Every structure is written in C-alpha cells, then in structure tokens.
Amino acid sequence: MQGKRQTASIIFILLAGICWGFMGLFVRPLSEKGLSSWDIVFLRSPLTAAFLAVFLLILDRKRFRIRIKDIWCFAGTGLLSIVFFNFCYFREITVTSLSVAAILLYTAPAFVMVISAVLFRERITLVKAAALVLSFTGLIFVTGVLGHGEKLTPEVILTGLGAGLGYALYSIFGRFAIDRGYDSYTISFYTFLFAGIATFFFADPARTARAATDSSWSIFFVFIFVMVSTVLPYLLYTKGLRKVDNSRASIIASVEPVAATLIGILVYGEKMTLETAAGIILVLSGIVLANLFTGKEKKS
C-alpha cells in the first residue's frame, strides 16, 4: 500500500510539472492583450484563492482553519516563494535571455536538496546527486544556452539564483505546513491568498480585470488558465510532497521545461534540434534515476 501511495505521489508531481509546462499557451495571449508579467501573476493569485475557497466551502469548511502560530508557513509559500520568485524571475528576464534565466531558475532542486538536508535531515545520496546533475545538464541542452556566449554579470547571477531560491522555498515551507497537519487545499488556498494581497501592489488590477472580462471567451480562457496553470498543479504538487521527499520532488518537477519545449514544438512549430532531443532524454533520465533505489523515505 505504501508503495502504491508513493507511486501515486510521483505521478501527481509529474502531472504538476506538465501542467506548469502549459503556461506558455496562456501567457502569450494574455501578454498580447497588454498585460504585464505582474498583471498575470496577480490574475492567477486571487482567482486561485477564490476557486479554492469555493472547493473548501463545498468539501469541508474546517479546512479553512489554521493556527495563528502557523501563519508563517503560508506567508513563506505565498510571499517568500510565489512573490519573491516571480519578482526575481521577471527581473531576470529583463537583464538576460530566457534560456539563461531558465537555467538559473532550475538551480531550485539544488537549493531544495541542501536546505532539506539541513532542516528535515533528508539524505543527499549519490543517486539523488547524479539525478540532479543529469536533469540540470539536460536543461542546459533543452534551453539551448550552450554556445550563446552571453555575459553573466553579478546582477544576472544573483537575480537568477534568487529566482531559484524563491522557487525552491515552496517545497520547504510547504513541507513545514504538511508536517503541521495541513492538506494541499488549505496550503494552496492560503499561499495564493497571501500572494494575491502582495501582488495587488505590483500589478494594475483595473487593466487586468478589463482584459479578463472583455468577452465571454476571455472569461472562459482565464478560467482554464487559472485551473491548468495554478489550481491543479499546486494541489497535485503539494499532495505529492506527502509521500515524496523534497529533493526528489523538485527533480521530478523539472519535467516542466521539457513539457514547455514539446508544446512549443507541437503548437508553435518550433524546431526539434538534436541538442533539444538530447536534453529531453537527459532530463527524463534524471527523473527516472531520482526514483530508483530510494527506499522508504516518508512515513504514512
């Protein structure tokens, strides 16, 4: 039974990564409507919180309850992860290429591995380290960053590492919340409640509302965007964390750029190069390796 639950958790995390990979399908049309990156983050956050609030009202209102002393967990996932990650990442893509930004962002699994070893005493095994190296090398190939000869300034490096750290902190603070008995619905709801309040000050709420409601198609599009890119993946990823340790989960979620690349090829006609194919194979190999010889890592 334990093995089946862990397998299900791995599948949840994979599906979360794939859902995040669909982001480009939604972000491009929204950007074409004049929304800034912060507007799009703001659009996701309060709507995600609202959808989850409806789910909790229907499923179990008791899941709204949190202890005052645990608020820092949700401030961590919402502010230090979602908001800080987006702030650093959006800054990063203004000072360097998307490929370099993506590579620095995916230092996140390394941050997760080290922080989890210190805070949660998760073992850094040779298998995990090898899986991390395989996945990261694959991402270098997938993004096509090799041979670009771009200059890595201190600002580029620090901002990129900040994005990676912010991305990693969802797993860290999410683990603290899970260990305190909260489920994925509660964690995700309060994460995006905090994020929505914070991003209100960075975005243009009026412009965002107009773009999201200017037609029935826009309303439907935004609904699908929020469900596919935020509600489902964060619920799935948080649920997966219950049976999979943080470092493995972050490596498994690196399927996201692979999914995004394949969508770019299938939907936007982007070219599949030998370099891209090799990168995809390496990333998937890293994910497979991360799930071999792992033993029993989480309690029931």
Protein backbone atom coordinates (compact mmCIF):
# COMPACT_ATOMS: atom_id res chain seq x y z
CA MET A 1 0.00 0.00 0.00
CA GLN A 2 2.83 2.37 0.90
CA GLY A 3 4.49 1.69 -2.47
CA LYS A 4 1.26 2.42 -4.34
CA ARG A 5 0.80 5.69 -2.47
CA GLN A 6 4.34 6.77 -3.25
CA THR A 7 3.86 5.88 -6.93
CA ALA A 8 0.68 7.95 -6.97
CA SER A 9 2.56 10.86 -5.38
CA ILE A 10 5.27 10.67 -8.05
CA ILE A 11 2.57 10.77 -10.73
CA PHE A 12 0.96 13.79 -9.03
CA ILE A 13 4.26 15.68 -9.13
CA LEU A 14 4.89 14.73 -12.76
CA LEU A 15 1.41 15.95 -13.70
CA ALA A 16 2.03 19.18 -11.80
CA GLY A 17 5.23 19.77 -13.78
CA ILE A 18 3.45 19.06 -17.05
CA CYS A 19 0.65 21.49 -16.13
CA TRP A 20 3.21 24.20 -15.37
CA GLY A 21 4.72 23.47 -18.77
CA PHE A 22 1.46 24.58 -20.40
CA MET A 23 1.97 28.10 -19.04
CA GLY A 24 3.24 29.49 -22.34
CA LEU A 25 -0.02 28.62 -24.09
CA PHE A 26 -1.80 31.06 -21.80
CA VAL A 27 0.83 33.69 -21.07
CA ARG A 28 1.45 34.62 -24.71
CA PRO A 29 -2.19 35.54 -25.48
CA LEU A 30 -2.51 37.43 -22.19
CA SER A 31 0.68 39.37 -22.92
CA GLU A 32 -0.69 40.24 -26.36
CA LYS A 33 -3.70 41.78 -24.61
CA GLY A 34 -1.38 44.23 -22.89
CA LEU A 35 -0.97 42.53 -19.51
CA SER A 36 2.41 42.78 -17.81
CA SER A 37 4.06 39.86 -16.07
CA TRP A 38 2.92 41.17 -12.69
CA ASP A 39 -0.65 41.53 -14.02
CA ILE A 40 -0.61 37.87 -15.00
CA VAL A 41 0.71 36.79 -11.58
CA PHE A 42 -1.98 38.92 -9.94
CA LEU A 43 -4.61 37.37 -12.21
CA ARG A 44 -3.59 33.88 -11.08
CA SER A 45 -3.33 34.51 -7.35
CA PRO A 46 -6.69 35.89 -6.14
CA LEU A 47 -8.63 33.80 -8.66
CA THR A 48 -6.83 30.66 -7.47
CA ALA A 49 -7.63 31.59 -3.87
CA ALA A 50 -11.27 32.21 -4.86
CA PHE A 51 -11.63 28.87 -6.67
CA LEU A 52 -10.06 27.01 -3.77
CA ALA A 53 -12.33 28.85 -1.34
CA VAL A 54 -15.33 27.51 -3.26
CA PHE A 55 -13.87 23.99 -3.14
CA LEU A 56 -13.34 24.24 0.62
CA LEU A 57 -16.85 25.59 1.20
CA ILE A 58 -18.23 22.56 -0.65
CA LEU A 59 -15.80 19.90 0.62
CA ASP A 60 -15.05 20.81 4.21
CA ARG A 61 -15.17 24.25 5.77
CA LYS A 62 -12.95 23.05 8.60
CA ARG A 63 -10.04 23.16 6.15
CA PHE A 64 -10.11 26.95 6.35
CA ARG A 65 -8.91 26.68 9.93
CA ILE A 66 -5.28 27.39 10.60
CA ARG A 67 -3.46 28.12 13.83
CA ILE A 68 -2.16 31.66 14.27
CA LYS A 69 1.26 30.29 15.17
CA ASP A 70 1.44 28.56 11.75
CA ILE A 71 0.72 31.62 9.60
CA TRP A 72 4.46 31.94 8.86
CA CYS A 73 4.25 28.70 6.82
CA PHE A 74 1.74 30.25 4.42
CA ALA A 75 3.49 33.59 4.38
CA GLY A 76 6.54 31.58 3.34
CA THR A 77 4.81 29.79 0.45
CA GLY A 78 2.90 32.89 -0.65
CA LEU A 79 5.36 35.74 -0.12
CA LEU A 80 8.85 34.28 0.08
CA SER A 81 8.14 31.72 -2.65
CA ILE A 82 5.45 32.88 -5.11
CA VAL A 83 6.02 36.64 -4.88
CA PHE A 84 9.80 36.65 -4.36
CA PHE A 85 10.32 34.04 -7.08
CA ASN A 86 8.24 35.99 -9.59
CA PHE A 87 9.91 39.29 -8.67
CA CYS A 88 13.40 37.83 -9.25
CA TYR A 89 12.42 35.89 -12.36
CA PHE A 90 10.71 38.82 -14.06
CA ARG A 91 13.70 40.99 -13.25
CA GLU A 92 16.00 38.28 -14.60
CA ILE A 93 14.30 38.09 -17.99
CA THR A 94 14.82 41.85 -18.44
CA VAL A 95 18.60 41.62 -17.98
CA THR A 96 19.40 38.34 -19.75
CA SER A 97 17.96 35.83 -22.22
CA LEU A 98 15.11 33.47 -21.41
CA SER A 99 17.44 30.48 -21.74
CA VAL A 100 19.91 31.80 -19.15
CA ALA A 101 17.03 32.79 -16.87
CA ALA A 102 15.56 29.29 -17.14
CA ILE A 103 18.88 27.64 -16.31
CA LEU A 104 19.43 29.79 -13.23
CA LEU A 105 15.82 29.22 -12.17
CA TYR A 106 16.39 25.47 -12.23
CA THR A 107 19.09 25.70 -9.62
CA ALA A 108 15.99 25.27 -7.43
CA PRO A 109 16.41 21.48 -6.98
CA ALA A 110 19.94 22.04 -5.66
CA PHE A 111 18.61 24.61 -3.16
CA VAL A 112 15.84 22.21 -2.14
CA MET A 113 18.30 19.34 -1.68
CA VAL A 114 20.69 21.32 0.54
CA ILE A 115 18.03 23.12 2.60
CA SER A 116 16.05 19.89 3.11
CA ALA A 117 19.18 18.11 4.28
CA VAL A 118 19.70 20.79 6.94
CA LEU A 119 16.10 21.35 8.05
CA PHE A 120 14.48 17.95 7.51
CA ARG A 121 17.53 15.67 7.61
CA GLU A 122 16.82 14.32 4.13
CA ARG A 123 19.77 12.30 2.90
CA ILE A 124 21.81 13.58 -0.04
CA THR A 125 22.55 10.29 -1.76
CA LEU A 126 24.76 9.61 -4.76
CA VAL A 127 21.64 8.62 -6.72
CA LYS A 128 19.93 11.95 -5.96
CA ALA A 129 23.08 13.91 -6.78
CA ALA A 130 23.51 12.03 -10.07
CA ALA A 131 19.83 12.59 -10.93
CA LEU A 132 20.25 16.30 -10.22
CA VAL A 133 23.32 16.55 -12.47
CA LEU A 134 21.58 14.64 -15.27
CA SER A 135 18.47 16.81 -15.11
CA PHE A 136 20.38 20.09 -14.92
CA THR A 137 22.64 19.10 -17.82
CA GLY A 138 19.55 18.18 -19.80
CA LEU A 139 18.02 21.58 -19.07
CA ILE A 140 21.14 23.27 -20.43
CA PHE A 141 20.61 21.40 -23.71
CA VAL A 142 16.83 21.95 -23.77
CA THR A 143 17.18 25.72 -23.34
CA GLY A 144 19.92 25.90 -25.97
CA VAL A 145 22.04 28.12 -23.76
CA LEU A 146 25.30 26.49 -24.87
CA GLY A 147 27.29 28.45 -27.41
CA HIS A 148 25.40 31.71 -26.90
CA GLY A 149 28.40 33.30 -25.25
CA GLU A 150 26.26 35.52 -23.04
CA LYS A 151 27.94 37.52 -20.31
CA LEU A 152 26.96 36.51 -16.78
CA THR A 153 27.14 39.69 -14.72
CA PRO A 154 26.82 39.67 -10.90
CA GLU A 155 23.27 41.01 -11.29
CA VAL A 156 22.30 38.21 -13.67
CA ILE A 157 23.76 35.53 -11.40
CA LEU A 158 22.34 36.89 -8.13
CA THR A 159 18.89 37.61 -9.55
CA GLY A 160 18.76 34.19 -11.20
CA LEU A 161 19.83 32.43 -8.03
CA GLY A 162 17.21 34.46 -6.15
CA ALA A 163 14.57 33.12 -8.54
CA GLY A 164 15.85 29.59 -7.99
CA LEU A 165 15.79 30.04 -4.23
CA GLY A 166 12.28 31.50 -4.30
CA TYR A 167 11.09 28.63 -6.49
CA ALA A 168 12.65 26.16 -4.04
CA LEU A 169 11.05 27.72 -0.97
CA TYR A 170 7.57 26.45 -1.88
CA SER A 171 8.77 22.90 -1.22
CA ILE A 172 10.43 23.97 2.04
CA PHE A 173 7.56 25.94 3.56
CA GLY A 174 5.05 23.51 2.07
CA ARG A 175 6.82 20.70 3.94
CA PHE A 176 6.57 22.66 7.21
CA ALA A 177 2.82 23.11 6.64
CA ILE A 178 2.33 19.42 5.78
CA ASP A 179 4.21 18.37 8.92
CA ARG A 180 1.80 20.55 10.91
CA GLY A 181 -1.16 18.59 9.56
CA TYR A 182 -2.46 20.85 6.78
CA ASP A 183 -3.65 19.37 3.49
CA SER A 184 -2.98 20.53 -0.06
CA TYR A 185 -6.24 22.50 -0.32
CA THR A 186 -5.53 24.53 2.81
CA ILE A 187 -1.88 25.14 1.91
CA SER A 188 -2.67 26.22 -1.66
CA PHE A 189 -5.56 28.46 -0.59
CA TYR A 190 -3.55 30.45 1.93
CA THR A 191 -0.49 30.52 -0.34
CA PHE A 192 -2.40 32.34 -3.05
CA LEU A 193 -4.37 34.46 -0.62
CA PHE A 194 -1.09 35.90 0.65
CA ALA A 195 0.34 36.13 -2.89
CA GLY A 196 -2.79 37.86 -4.20
CA ILE A 197 -2.66 40.52 -1.49
CA ALA A 198 1.03 41.18 -2.15
CA THR A 199 0.88 41.25 -5.96
CA PHE A 200 -2.01 43.75 -5.82
CA PHE A 201 0.62 46.43 -5.18
CA PHE A 202 2.77 45.45 -8.19
CA ALA A 203 0.05 44.93 -10.80
CA ASP A 204 -2.62 47.09 -12.42
CA PRO A 205 -5.83 45.45 -11.11
CA ALA A 206 -8.16 47.57 -13.27
CA ARG A 207 -6.31 46.73 -16.51
CA THR A 208 -6.17 43.06 -15.50
CA ALA A 209 -9.90 42.93 -14.79
CA ARG A 210 -10.75 44.57 -18.13
CA ALA A 211 -8.59 42.13 -20.09
CA ALA A 212 -10.03 39.14 -18.24
CA THR A 213 -13.69 40.08 -18.70
CA ASP A 214 -13.89 41.86 -22.07
CA SER A 215 -15.74 38.88 -23.62
CA SER A 216 -17.24 35.54 -22.68
CA TRP A 217 -14.28 33.86 -24.39
CA SER A 218 -11.84 35.85 -22.22
CA ILE A 219 -13.63 34.74 -19.07
CA PHE A 220 -13.52 31.10 -20.17
CA PHE A 221 -9.86 31.41 -21.21
CA VAL A 222 -8.88 32.89 -17.83
CA PHE A 223 -10.80 30.16 -16.01
CA ILE A 224 -8.92 27.43 -17.90
CA PHE A 225 -5.63 29.30 -17.42
CA VAL A 226 -6.03 29.51 -13.66
CA MET A 227 -7.22 25.92 -13.31
CA VAL A 228 -4.50 24.38 -15.52
CA SER A 229 -1.52 26.57 -14.61
CA THR A 230 -2.15 27.11 -10.91
CA VAL A 231 -5.01 25.33 -9.11
CA LEU A 232 -4.35 21.80 -10.39
CA PRO A 233 -0.53 21.79 -10.37
CA TYR A 234 -0.16 23.33 -6.91
CA LEU A 235 -2.74 20.95 -5.44
CA LEU A 236 -1.05 17.99 -7.13
CA TYR A 237 2.48 19.03 -6.19
CA THR A 238 1.58 19.72 -2.57
CA LYS A 239 -0.27 16.41 -2.31
CA GLY A 240 2.73 14.64 -3.85
CA LEU A 241 5.03 16.10 -1.18
CA ARG A 242 3.28 13.96 1.44
CA LYS A 243 4.95 10.77 0.23
CA VAL A 244 7.97 12.05 -1.72
CA ASP A 245 10.83 13.93 -0.13
CA ASN A 246 11.55 17.50 -1.18
CA SER A 247 14.71 16.90 -3.19
CA ARG A 248 13.20 14.11 -5.28
CA ALA A 249 10.02 16.12 -5.84
CA SER A 250 11.96 19.12 -7.16
CA ILE A 251 13.89 16.90 -9.59
CA ILE A 252 10.69 15.22 -10.81
CA ALA A 253 9.08 18.64 -11.35
CA SER A 254 11.91 19.55 -13.73
CA VAL A 255 9.76 17.86 -16.37
CA GLU A 256 8.17 21.33 -16.68
CA PRO A 257 10.62 22.82 -19.24
CA VAL A 258 10.52 19.56 -21.20
CA ALA A 259 6.73 19.83 -21.42
CA ALA A 260 7.02 23.51 -22.36
CA THR A 261 9.55 22.69 -25.08
CA LEU A 262 7.37 19.94 -26.55
CA ILE A 263 4.36 22.26 -26.53
CA GLY A 264 6.41 24.88 -28.35
CA ILE A 265 7.30 22.30 -30.99
CA LEU A 266 3.78 20.88 -31.38
CA VAL A 267 1.75 24.11 -31.10
CA TYR A 268 4.07 26.89 -32.28
CA GLY A 269 6.12 24.93 -34.82
CA GLU A 270 9.41 25.44 -33.01
CA LYS A 271 12.23 23.20 -34.25
CA MET A 272 13.26 19.98 -32.53
CA THR A 273 17.06 20.04 -32.72
CA LEU A 274 19.45 17.24 -31.83
CA GLU A 275 20.52 19.33 -28.83
CA THR A 276 16.91 19.64 -27.64
CA ALA A 277 16.25 15.91 -28.06
CA ALA A 278 19.40 15.05 -26.10
CA GLY A 279 18.35 17.45 -23.35
CA ILE A 280 14.89 15.92 -23.08
CA ILE A 281 16.41 12.44 -22.77
CA LEU A 282 18.81 13.62 -20.05
CA VAL A 283 16.07 15.34 -18.03
CA LEU A 284 13.82 12.29 -18.22
CA SER A 285 16.76 10.05 -17.31
CA GLY A 286 17.39 12.20 -14.25
CA ILE A 287 13.74 11.91 -13.22
CA VAL A 288 13.82 8.12 -13.61
CA LEU A 289 17.09 7.88 -11.67
CA ALA A 290 15.67 10.05 -8.87
CA ASN A 291 13.06 7.36 -8.29
CA LEU A 292 15.40 4.35 -8.22
CA PHE A 293 16.92 2.87 -5.09
CA THR A 294 15.14 5.43 -2.93
CA GLY A 295 13.94 3.21 -0.15
CA LYS A 296 11.25 4.16 2.29
CA GLU A 297 11.56 7.91 2.78
CA LYS A 298 8.25 9.12 4.15
CA LYS A 299 6.05 7.90 6.94
CA SER A 300 2.41 7.03 6.33
